[in-house]
Amino acid sequence: MSESFTCRLNLDRVNDGTRIDLVATDAERDAIARRLGLESIDRLAAHCVLEPQGSANDGQSIRARGRIKASLTQACVATGEPLPAFVDEPFDLHFRPEPVRVPDDEIELSGDELDVIFHDGQAIDLGEAIADTLAVSIEPYPRGPNAEAALQQAGVISEEQAGPFAALAALKGKMEKE
């Protein structure tokens, strides 16, 4: 992703139990809001503890556990009206050295590898990892109080109206009329 919220930490300066507190500036929040398609981000902060795993000789891995908090405004997907939203989520990220692999090799990830972020062997970028964590923590399709009415007016039917049971109910209604 872009360089909108960078906090590069050299691996050789990360000690067990290093505590990091990040607070995004106005410019960083604006850049992240544009990147994520948000109306605005009023507050973005993260607090975490870093734990080295492995040694520098075998490619150091870093575990970052903490919490992300944000106050933001999203647009309703149906009406476009602004909706306030809040994020208060724990995270557990694993920074690992970029693996050496053959091009076009298939890679299979297990469940415990889904929060892995690869680094260059020199430093990790905690800020960008926090911005990415925010991206997966927000509601992807926010709906405001007037969303249902706007969707109905536009002719969009609900899942209940479009589902298999709705089709059966319509068929039953037809049969009863005959």
Protein backbone atom coordinates (compact mmCIF):
# COMPACT_ATOMS: atom_id res chain seq x y z
CA MET A 1 0.00 0.00 0.00
CA SER A 2 1.04 3.64 -0.06
CA GLU A 3 3.47 5.35 2.27
CA SER A 4 0.71 7.27 4.08
CA PHE A 5 1.38 6.07 7.63
CA THR A 6 4.96 4.91 7.85
CA CYS A 7 6.68 3.84 11.05
CA ARG A 8 9.76 1.85 10.06
CA LEU A 9 11.48 0.12 12.95
CA ASN A 10 14.94 -1.39 12.49
CA LEU A 11 14.97 -5.03 13.54
CA ASP A 12 18.21 -4.65 15.50
CA ARG A 13 16.56 -2.03 17.74
CA VAL A 14 13.53 -4.14 18.66
CA ASN A 15 13.88 -5.61 22.13
CA ASP A 16 11.57 -8.07 23.83
CA GLY A 17 8.72 -6.08 25.32
CA THR A 18 9.32 -2.91 23.30
CA ARG A 19 6.14 -0.83 23.62
CA ILE A 20 5.09 1.33 20.70
CA ASP A 21 2.35 3.97 20.77
CA LEU A 22 1.38 5.34 17.37
CA VAL A 23 -0.96 8.27 16.76
CA ALA A 24 -1.62 9.34 13.17
CA THR A 25 -1.23 13.01 12.26
CA ASP A 26 -3.90 14.97 10.41
CA ALA A 27 -2.09 14.46 7.09
CA GLU A 28 -1.65 10.72 7.71
CA ARG A 29 -5.32 10.30 8.65
CA ASP A 30 -6.38 12.22 5.52
CA ALA A 31 -4.19 10.02 3.31
CA ILE A 32 -5.53 6.81 4.89
CA ALA A 33 -9.13 8.06 4.59
CA ARG A 34 -8.62 8.72 0.86
CA ARG A 35 -6.98 5.32 0.38
CA LEU A 36 -9.84 3.51 2.15
CA GLY A 37 -12.64 5.58 0.61
CA LEU A 38 -13.74 7.05 3.94
CA GLU A 39 -15.28 10.46 4.50
CA SER A 40 -12.79 11.18 7.28
CA ILE A 41 -10.75 9.72 10.11
CA ASP A 42 -10.89 11.90 13.20
CA ARG A 43 -8.64 9.73 15.36
CA LEU A 44 -6.33 6.77 14.72
CA ALA A 45 -4.12 5.33 17.42
CA ALA A 46 -2.49 1.99 18.08
CA HIS A 47 -0.65 0.63 21.05
CA CYS A 48 1.37 -2.58 20.91
CA VAL A 49 4.13 -4.65 22.39
CA LEU A 50 6.80 -6.09 20.11
CA GLU A 51 8.32 -9.50 20.74
CA PRO A 52 11.28 -10.74 18.67
CA GLN A 53 11.03 -14.39 17.69
CA GLY A 54 14.07 -16.16 16.28
CA SER A 55 17.49 -14.62 15.80
CA ALA A 56 19.00 -12.22 13.33
CA ASN A 57 20.97 -15.14 11.83
CA ASP A 58 17.89 -17.14 10.80
CA GLY A 59 15.84 -14.12 9.72
CA GLN A 60 14.19 -12.41 12.65
CA SER A 61 10.46 -12.58 13.12
CA ILE A 62 8.61 -9.98 15.17
CA ARG A 63 5.23 -10.40 16.82
CA ALA A 64 3.21 -7.24 17.41
CA ARG A 65 0.24 -7.56 19.76
CA GLY A 66 -1.93 -4.64 20.70
CA ARG A 67 -5.03 -2.61 20.06
CA ILE A 68 -6.14 -0.22 17.34
CA LYS A 69 -8.66 2.55 18.05
CA ALA A 70 -10.19 4.86 15.49
CA SER A 71 -13.02 7.32 15.13
CA LEU A 72 -14.11 7.80 11.53
CA THR A 73 -16.93 8.68 9.17
CA GLN A 74 -18.08 6.39 6.36
CA ALA A 75 -20.68 6.99 3.68
CA CYS A 76 -23.85 4.87 3.65
CA VAL A 77 -23.72 2.57 0.60
CA ALA A 78 -27.37 3.30 -0.27
CA THR A 79 -27.83 6.99 0.49
CA GLY A 80 -24.32 8.41 0.73
CA GLU A 81 -25.17 10.05 4.06
CA PRO A 82 -22.26 10.26 6.54
CA LEU A 83 -22.20 7.61 9.26
CA PRO A 84 -19.97 7.83 12.32
CA ALA A 85 -18.07 4.63 13.09
CA PHE A 86 -15.70 3.52 15.79
CA VAL A 87 -13.02 0.84 15.75
CA ASP A 88 -11.64 -0.69 18.94
CA GLU A 89 -10.02 -3.99 17.98
CA PRO A 90 -7.18 -6.13 19.25
CA PHE A 91 -4.57 -7.25 16.73
CA ASP A 92 -1.85 -9.89 16.61
CA LEU A 93 0.50 -9.40 13.67
CA HIS A 94 3.53 -11.46 12.69
CA PHE A 95 6.35 -9.87 10.71
CA ARG A 96 8.53 -12.47 9.00
CA PRO A 97 11.40 -12.32 6.51
CA GLU A 98 10.33 -12.43 2.88
CA PRO A 99 10.52 -16.10 1.87
CA VAL A 100 12.68 -17.19 -1.01
CA ARG A 101 10.46 -18.89 -3.54
CA VAL A 102 10.42 -19.95 -7.13
CA PRO A 103 8.29 -17.72 -9.41
CA ASP A 104 4.82 -19.15 -10.09
CA ASP A 105 5.09 -21.47 -7.07
CA GLU A 106 1.77 -22.04 -5.38
CA ILE A 107 1.68 -20.82 -1.79
CA GLU A 108 -0.71 -22.27 0.73
CA LEU A 109 -1.38 -20.39 3.96
CA SER A 110 -2.70 -21.93 7.13
CA GLY A 111 -5.06 -20.09 9.47
CA ASP A 112 -2.24 -18.93 11.75
CA GLU A 113 -0.41 -17.33 8.80
CA LEU A 114 -3.18 -14.96 7.76
CA ASP A 115 -1.83 -12.04 9.80
CA VAL A 116 1.72 -12.41 8.48
CA ILE A 117 3.46 -9.40 6.98
CA PHE A 118 6.77 -9.92 5.23
CA HIS A 119 9.72 -7.62 5.85
CA ASP A 120 12.98 -6.98 3.99
CA GLY A 121 15.25 -8.35 6.72
CA GLN A 122 16.22 -4.88 7.90
CA ALA A 123 13.08 -3.23 9.25
CA ILE A 124 9.33 -3.59 9.71
CA ASP A 125 6.75 -0.95 8.85
CA LEU A 126 4.35 -0.95 11.76
CA GLY A 127 2.44 2.13 10.57
CA GLU A 128 1.39 0.56 7.27
CA ALA A 129 0.44 -2.65 9.10
CA ILE A 130 -1.80 -0.58 11.38
CA ALA A 131 -3.40 1.15 8.37
CA ASP A 132 -4.06 -2.27 6.79
CA THR A 133 -5.51 -3.53 10.08
CA LEU A 134 -7.88 -0.55 10.10
CA ALA A 135 -8.94 -1.41 6.53
CA VAL A 136 -10.07 -4.91 7.52
CA SER A 137 -11.68 -3.69 10.76
CA ILE A 138 -14.20 -1.27 9.29
CA GLU A 139 -17.69 -2.16 8.07
CA PRO A 140 -17.33 -2.83 4.31
CA TYR A 141 -20.94 -1.92 3.43
CA PRO A 142 -22.21 0.55 6.03
CA ARG A 143 -25.94 1.25 6.00
CA GLY A 144 -27.64 4.19 7.60
CA PRO A 145 -31.16 4.43 9.02
CA ASN A 146 -32.62 5.45 5.63
CA ALA A 147 -30.83 2.76 3.59
CA GLU A 148 -33.71 0.27 3.35
CA ALA A 149 -36.15 2.91 2.12
CA ALA A 150 -33.66 4.19 -0.48
CA LEU A 151 -32.96 0.68 -1.73
CA GLN A 152 -36.66 -0.16 -2.00
CA GLN A 153 -37.32 3.09 -3.86
CA ALA A 154 -34.52 2.17 -6.28
CA GLY A 155 -36.15 -1.22 -6.89
CA VAL A 156 -33.60 -3.31 -5.01
CA ILE A 157 -35.25 -6.26 -3.28
CA SER A 158 -34.09 -7.64 0.05
CA GLU A 159 -32.45 -11.04 0.51
CA GLU A 160 -35.66 -12.32 2.07
CA GLN A 161 -37.62 -11.26 -1.01
CA ALA A 162 -35.07 -12.77 -3.40
CA GLY A 163 -34.27 -15.99 -1.52
CA PRO A 164 -35.54 -19.51 -2.25
CA PHE A 165 -38.23 -19.34 0.42
CA ALA A 166 -39.65 -16.17 -1.14
CA ALA A 167 -39.94 -17.99 -4.46
CA LEU A 168 -41.75 -20.87 -2.75
CA ALA A 169 -44.12 -18.47 -0.98
CA ALA A 170 -44.93 -16.78 -4.31
CA LEU A 171 -45.58 -20.17 -5.91
CA LYS A 172 -47.81 -21.17 -3.00
CA GLY A 173 -49.74 -17.91 -3.36
CA LYS A 174 -50.27 -18.57 -7.07
CA MET A 175 -51.49 -22.08 -6.39
CA GLU A 176 -53.97 -20.89 -3.77
CA LYS A 177 -55.47 -18.36 -6.21
CA GLU A 178 -56.14 -21.06 -8.80
